[in-house]
Structures are given as structure tokens and as C-alpha cells.
Amino acid sequence: MLYRLLRQTKPDAAPFLRFCLVGLVNTFLHFCVLNLLVEVFACPTTWANVAGFLVANTFSYYANSFWSFKVRPGARSYSRFFVTSVVGTLISYAAMDLGQALNCLWRLVFLFQVSLLALINFTLLRLFVFPRRDETQKGAPPRGPSEM
């Protein structure tokens, strides 16, 4: 079953590379907001991570919609994207809290959680948020914003 799931989500090279580039910019944006709030404004890391997530999530949705997966953004796809992001964020919060409980440097914990979630997020986005047209509606024209 796992093999079949991996075969279904095996990306073409171009969308995956675009996703990775968006992810790098997104990660940098998230880190900048997180670092600014923690180091300059002395915010708790959990709240700074929330702010970083919200800024990065908005950027990521539009960049992945238009560039990585080549679909128009819409309310339905954004709601799925947001739920997928929240699941990933909950995992990252747990990792951050565990890292702090183990007295790890928060920057290292952040890098670990980002690396771990990259593969999970691409798979979930490809399956549930931006499925390939040939996997969902063979022969159907691309969906417009009102159908997403």
C-alpha cells in the first residue's frame, strides 16, 4: 500500500523543483519573522513561530498555486492548503517544544522540523490540495477558481 501511494505521488521533476524553491524562500521568510520576533522583540518562540507561519503560509499558498502546481487559487483549495499546513505546524510545534524541553538550540530544532516536513507537505499537497488533473478528472479542462 505504501509503495502504491508513493507511486501515485511521484512528481514530475519541474513541479517538485519549483516546490523546493518556493519552500526555500518560504522557509527563509518564516525564519526571518521568527528570528526577528525572538531576538529583537523577545517574543516567546511559540508565538513567534505562529507569526512566522502565518506570513509564510500566505506566501506559500499563492506561490505554490501559481508557480509550482500551475492552478488558480480558490477558497476550496486554500482551505485544504490551510488544513494541511496546520497539521504540519502542529508537528513543528511539538518538535519545538520537545527541543526546548531537551535544551536544544531552537534554530537547530527549526531546521530539523522544516526538513522533516518537506516531504510530507509535498505529498499531501499533491494528493489533496493540488491533485493532477489526470488523477482526478481525466479529460476535463483545468478548474477555475469557482470550482476549487
C-alpha atoms as a PDB file:
ATOM      1  CA  MET A   1       0.000   0.000   0.000  1.00  0.00           C
ATOM      2  CA  LEU A   2       2.785   2.446   0.864  1.00  0.00           C
ATOM      3  CA  TYR A   3       4.524   1.627  -2.424  1.00  0.00           C
ATOM      4  CA  ARG A   4       1.307   2.380  -4.337  1.00  0.00           C
ATOM      5  CA  LEU A   5       0.863   5.681  -2.505  1.00  0.00           C
ATOM      6  CA  LEU A   6       4.437   6.700  -3.286  1.00  0.00           C
ATOM      7  CA  ARG A   7       3.980   5.770  -6.961  1.00  0.00           C
ATOM      8  CA  GLN A   8       0.831   7.907  -7.166  1.00  0.00           C
ATOM      9  CA  THR A   9       2.567  10.937  -5.698  1.00  0.00           C
ATOM     10  CA  LYS A  10       5.830  10.623  -7.626  1.00  0.00           C
ATOM     11  CA  PRO A  11       6.210  14.130  -9.010  1.00  0.00           C
ATOM     12  CA  ASP A  12       7.479  15.293 -12.348  1.00  0.00           C
ATOM     13  CA  ALA A  13      10.853  16.945 -11.906  1.00  0.00           C
ATOM     14  CA  ALA A  14       9.757  20.516 -12.721  1.00  0.00           C
ATOM     15  CA  PRO A  15       6.870  20.835 -10.210  1.00  0.00           C
ATOM     16  CA  PHE A  16       8.976  19.264  -7.497  1.00  0.00           C
ATOM     17  CA  LEU A  17      11.902  21.616  -8.147  1.00  0.00           C
ATOM     18  CA  ARG A  18       9.550  24.610  -8.152  1.00  0.00           C
ATOM     19  CA  PHE A  19       8.026  23.359  -4.893  1.00  0.00           C
ATOM     20  CA  CYS A  20      11.519  23.092  -3.399  1.00  0.00           C
ATOM     21  CA  LEU A  21      12.413  26.632  -4.470  1.00  0.00           C
ATOM     22  CA  VAL A  22       9.169  28.011  -3.037  1.00  0.00           C
ATOM     23  CA  GLY A  23       9.932  26.052   0.108  1.00  0.00           C
ATOM     24  CA  LEU A  24      13.399  27.603   0.397  1.00  0.00           C
ATOM     25  CA  VAL A  25      12.017  31.124   0.056  1.00  0.00           C
ATOM     26  CA  ASN A  26       9.141  30.249   2.374  1.00  0.00           C
ATOM     27  CA  THR A  27      11.486  28.788   4.969  1.00  0.00           C
ATOM     28  CA  PHE A  28      13.719  31.851   4.810  1.00  0.00           C
ATOM     29  CA  LEU A  29      10.687  34.114   5.229  1.00  0.00           C
ATOM     30  CA  HIS A  30       9.417  32.052   8.183  1.00  0.00           C
ATOM     31  CA  PHE A  31      12.867  32.052   9.779  1.00  0.00           C
ATOM     32  CA  CYS A  32      13.287  35.823   9.341  1.00  0.00           C
ATOM     33  CA  VAL A  33       9.971  36.555  11.053  1.00  0.00           C
ATOM     34  CA  LEU A  34      10.729  34.008  13.796  1.00  0.00           C
ATOM     35  CA  ASN A  35      14.253  35.315  14.362  1.00  0.00           C
ATOM     36  CA  LEU A  36      13.159  38.967  14.383  1.00  0.00           C
ATOM     37  CA  LEU A  37      10.422  38.348  16.922  1.00  0.00           C
ATOM     38  CA  VAL A  38      12.567  36.171  19.201  1.00  0.00           C
ATOM     39  CA  GLU A  39      15.837  38.086  19.060  1.00  0.00           C
ATOM     40  CA  VAL A  40      14.699  41.697  18.621  1.00  0.00           C
ATOM     41  CA  PHE A  41      11.319  41.746  20.344  1.00  0.00           C
ATOM     42  CA  ALA A  42      11.974  38.923  22.881  1.00  0.00           C
ATOM     43  CA  CYS A  43       8.764  37.086  21.977  1.00  0.00           C
ATOM     44  CA  PRO A  44       8.326  33.510  23.160  1.00  0.00           C
ATOM     45  CA  THR A  45       9.376  31.101  20.425  1.00  0.00           C
ATOM     46  CA  THR A  46       5.915  29.528  20.197  1.00  0.00           C
ATOM     47  CA  TRP A  47       4.188  32.845  19.397  1.00  0.00           C
ATOM     48  CA  ALA A  48       6.990  33.940  17.106  1.00  0.00           C
ATOM     49  CA  ASN A  49       6.627  30.648  15.265  1.00  0.00           C
ATOM     50  CA  VAL A  50       2.872  31.279  14.869  1.00  0.00           C
ATOM     51  CA  ALA A  51       3.541  34.683  13.310  1.00  0.00           C
ATOM     52  CA  GLY A  52       6.216  33.232  11.033  1.00  0.00           C
ATOM     53  CA  PHE A  53       3.809  30.513   9.969  1.00  0.00           C
ATOM     54  CA  LEU A  54       1.011  32.938   9.081  1.00  0.00           C
ATOM     55  CA  VAL A  55       3.245  35.141   6.946  1.00  0.00           C
ATOM     56  CA  ALA A  56       4.923  32.179   5.263  1.00  0.00           C
ATOM     57  CA  ASN A  57       1.642  30.293   4.747  1.00  0.00           C
ATOM     58  CA  THR A  58       0.080  33.114   2.777  1.00  0.00           C
ATOM     59  CA  PHE A  59       3.143  33.461   0.568  1.00  0.00           C
ATOM     60  CA  SER A  60       3.418  29.694   0.122  1.00  0.00           C
ATOM     61  CA  TYR A  61      -0.191  29.211  -0.956  1.00  0.00           C
ATOM     62  CA  TYR A  62      -0.018  31.760  -3.732  1.00  0.00           C
ATOM     63  CA  ALA A  63       3.473  30.810  -4.908  1.00  0.00           C
ATOM     64  CA  ASN A  64       2.628  27.107  -4.994  1.00  0.00           C
ATOM     65  CA  SER A  65      -0.739  27.718  -6.645  1.00  0.00           C
ATOM     66  CA  PHE A  66       0.570  29.869  -9.464  1.00  0.00           C
ATOM     67  CA  TRP A  67       4.080  28.540  -9.957  1.00  0.00           C
ATOM     68  CA  SER A  68       4.608  25.055  -8.522  1.00  0.00           C
ATOM     69  CA  PHE A  69       1.289  23.396  -9.354  1.00  0.00           C
ATOM     70  CA  LYS A  70       0.009  25.833 -12.013  1.00  0.00           C
ATOM     71  CA  VAL A  71      -3.549  26.193 -10.724  1.00  0.00           C
ATOM     72  CA  ARG A  72      -5.685  29.200  -9.920  1.00  0.00           C
ATOM     73  CA  PRO A  73      -6.122  29.896  -6.233  1.00  0.00           C
ATOM     74  CA  GLY A  74      -9.565  29.470  -4.756  1.00  0.00           C
ATOM     75  CA  ALA A  75     -11.378  29.175  -1.447  1.00  0.00           C
ATOM     76  CA  ARG A  76     -11.693  25.388  -1.525  1.00  0.00           C
ATOM     77  CA  SER A  77      -8.036  24.767  -2.345  1.00  0.00           C
ATOM     78  CA  TYR A  78      -6.918  27.338   0.227  1.00  0.00           C
ATOM     79  CA  SER A  79      -8.991  25.692   2.952  1.00  0.00           C
ATOM     80  CA  ARG A  80      -7.347  22.354   2.133  1.00  0.00           C
ATOM     81  CA  PHE A  81      -3.946  24.029   1.966  1.00  0.00           C
ATOM     82  CA  PHE A  82      -4.513  25.672   5.337  1.00  0.00           C
ATOM     83  CA  VAL A  83      -5.603  22.401   6.990  1.00  0.00           C
ATOM     84  CA  THR A  84      -2.559  20.650   5.537  1.00  0.00           C
ATOM     85  CA  SER A  85      -0.375  23.481   6.820  1.00  0.00           C
ATOM     86  CA  VAL A  86      -1.937  23.372  10.283  1.00  0.00           C
ATOM     87  CA  VAL A  87      -1.212  19.636  10.566  1.00  0.00           C
ATOM     88  CA  GLY A  88       2.404  20.307   9.632  1.00  0.00           C
ATOM     89  CA  THR A  89       2.533  23.229  12.039  1.00  0.00           C
ATOM     90  CA  LEU A  90       1.244  21.131  14.920  1.00  0.00           C
ATOM     91  CA  ILE A  91       4.045  18.664  14.257  1.00  0.00           C
ATOM     92  CA  SER A  92       6.552  21.533  14.169  1.00  0.00           C
ATOM     93  CA  TYR A  93       5.234  22.990  17.453  1.00  0.00           C
ATOM     94  CA  ALA A  94       5.620  19.610  19.103  1.00  0.00           C
ATOM     95  CA  ALA A  95       9.180  19.387  17.764  1.00  0.00           C
ATOM     96  CA  MET A  96       9.988  22.920  19.000  1.00  0.00           C
ATOM     97  CA  ASP A  97       8.574  22.221  22.461  1.00  0.00           C
ATOM     98  CA  LEU A  98      10.397  18.897  22.665  1.00  0.00           C
ATOM     99  CA  GLY A  99      13.621  20.554  21.564  1.00  0.00           C
ATOM    100  CA  GLN A 100      13.278  23.211  24.257  1.00  0.00           C
ATOM    101  CA  ALA A 101      12.495  20.564  26.887  1.00  0.00           C
ATOM    102  CA  LEU A 102      15.722  18.797  25.853  1.00  0.00           C
ATOM    103  CA  ASN A 103      17.637  22.124  25.956  1.00  0.00           C
ATOM    104  CA  CYS A 104      18.387  22.065  22.226  1.00  0.00           C
ATOM    105  CA  LEU A 105      19.112  25.252  20.316  1.00  0.00           C
ATOM    106  CA  TRP A 106      15.840  26.467  18.839  1.00  0.00           C
ATOM    107  CA  ARG A 107      17.487  27.227  15.478  1.00  0.00           C
ATOM    108  CA  LEU A 108      18.609  23.603  15.106  1.00  0.00           C
ATOM    109  CA  VAL A 109      15.162  22.335  16.068  1.00  0.00           C
ATOM    110  CA  PHE A 110      13.632  24.663  13.482  1.00  0.00           C
ATOM    111  CA  LEU A 111      15.923  23.332  10.737  1.00  0.00           C
ATOM    112  CA  PHE A 112      15.087  19.752  11.712  1.00  0.00           C
ATOM    113  CA  GLN A 113      11.335  20.306  11.643  1.00  0.00           C
ATOM    114  CA  VAL A 114      11.487  22.051   8.262  1.00  0.00           C
ATOM    115  CA  SER A 115      13.492  19.191   6.758  1.00  0.00           C
ATOM    116  CA  LEU A 116      11.155  16.549   8.145  1.00  0.00           C
ATOM    117  CA  LEU A 117       8.001  18.246   6.913  1.00  0.00           C
ATOM    118  CA  ALA A 118       9.145  18.982   3.343  1.00  0.00           C
ATOM    119  CA  LEU A 119       8.404  15.514   2.008  1.00  0.00           C
ATOM    120  CA  ILE A 120       5.193  15.142   3.995  1.00  0.00           C
ATOM    121  CA  ASN A 121       3.877  18.504   2.805  1.00  0.00           C
ATOM    122  CA  PHE A 122       4.616  17.902  -0.883  1.00  0.00           C
ATOM    123  CA  THR A 123       2.845  14.555  -0.766  1.00  0.00           C
ATOM    124  CA  LEU A 124      -0.218  15.977   0.981  1.00  0.00           C
ATOM    125  CA  LEU A 125      -0.386  18.985  -1.335  1.00  0.00           C
ATOM    126  CA  ARG A 126      -0.115  16.806  -4.435  1.00  0.00           C
ATOM    127  CA  LEU A 127      -2.801  14.403  -3.201  1.00  0.00           C
ATOM    128  CA  PHE A 128      -5.356  16.669  -1.509  1.00  0.00           C
ATOM    129  CA  VAL A 129      -4.806  20.306  -2.452  1.00  0.00           C
ATOM    130  CA  PHE A 130      -3.368  20.392  -5.974  1.00  0.00           C
ATOM    131  CA  PRO A 131      -4.064  16.950  -7.465  1.00  0.00           C
ATOM    132  CA  ARG A 132      -3.003  16.409 -11.051  1.00  0.00           C
ATOM    133  CA  ARG A 133      -5.866  16.779 -13.476  1.00  0.00           C
ATOM    134  CA  ASP A 134      -5.234  13.313 -14.941  1.00  0.00           C
ATOM    135  CA  GLU A 135      -5.554  11.794 -11.462  1.00  0.00           C
ATOM    136  CA  THR A 136      -8.905  13.415 -10.687  1.00  0.00           C
ATOM    137  CA  GLN A 137     -10.791  14.262 -13.875  1.00  0.00           C
ATOM    138  CA  LYS A 138      -9.403  12.632 -16.985  1.00  0.00           C
ATOM    139  CA  GLY A 139     -10.006  14.829 -19.996  1.00  0.00           C
ATOM    140  CA  ALA A 140     -11.620  17.637 -18.000  1.00  0.00           C
ATOM    141  CA  PRO A 141     -10.447  21.207 -18.577  1.00  0.00           C
ATOM    142  CA  PRO A 142      -8.438  22.928 -15.826  1.00  0.00           C
ATOM    143  CA  ARG A 143     -10.560  24.013 -12.897  1.00  0.00           C
ATOM    144  CA  GLY A 144     -11.405  27.659 -12.389  1.00  0.00           C
ATOM    145  CA  PRO A 145     -11.498  29.476  -9.039  1.00  0.00           C
ATOM    146  CA  SER A 146     -15.213  28.844  -8.526  1.00  0.00           C
ATOM    147  CA  GLU A 147     -14.732  25.077  -8.827  1.00  0.00           C
ATOM    148  CA  MET A 148     -11.819  24.798  -6.415  1.00  0.00           C
END
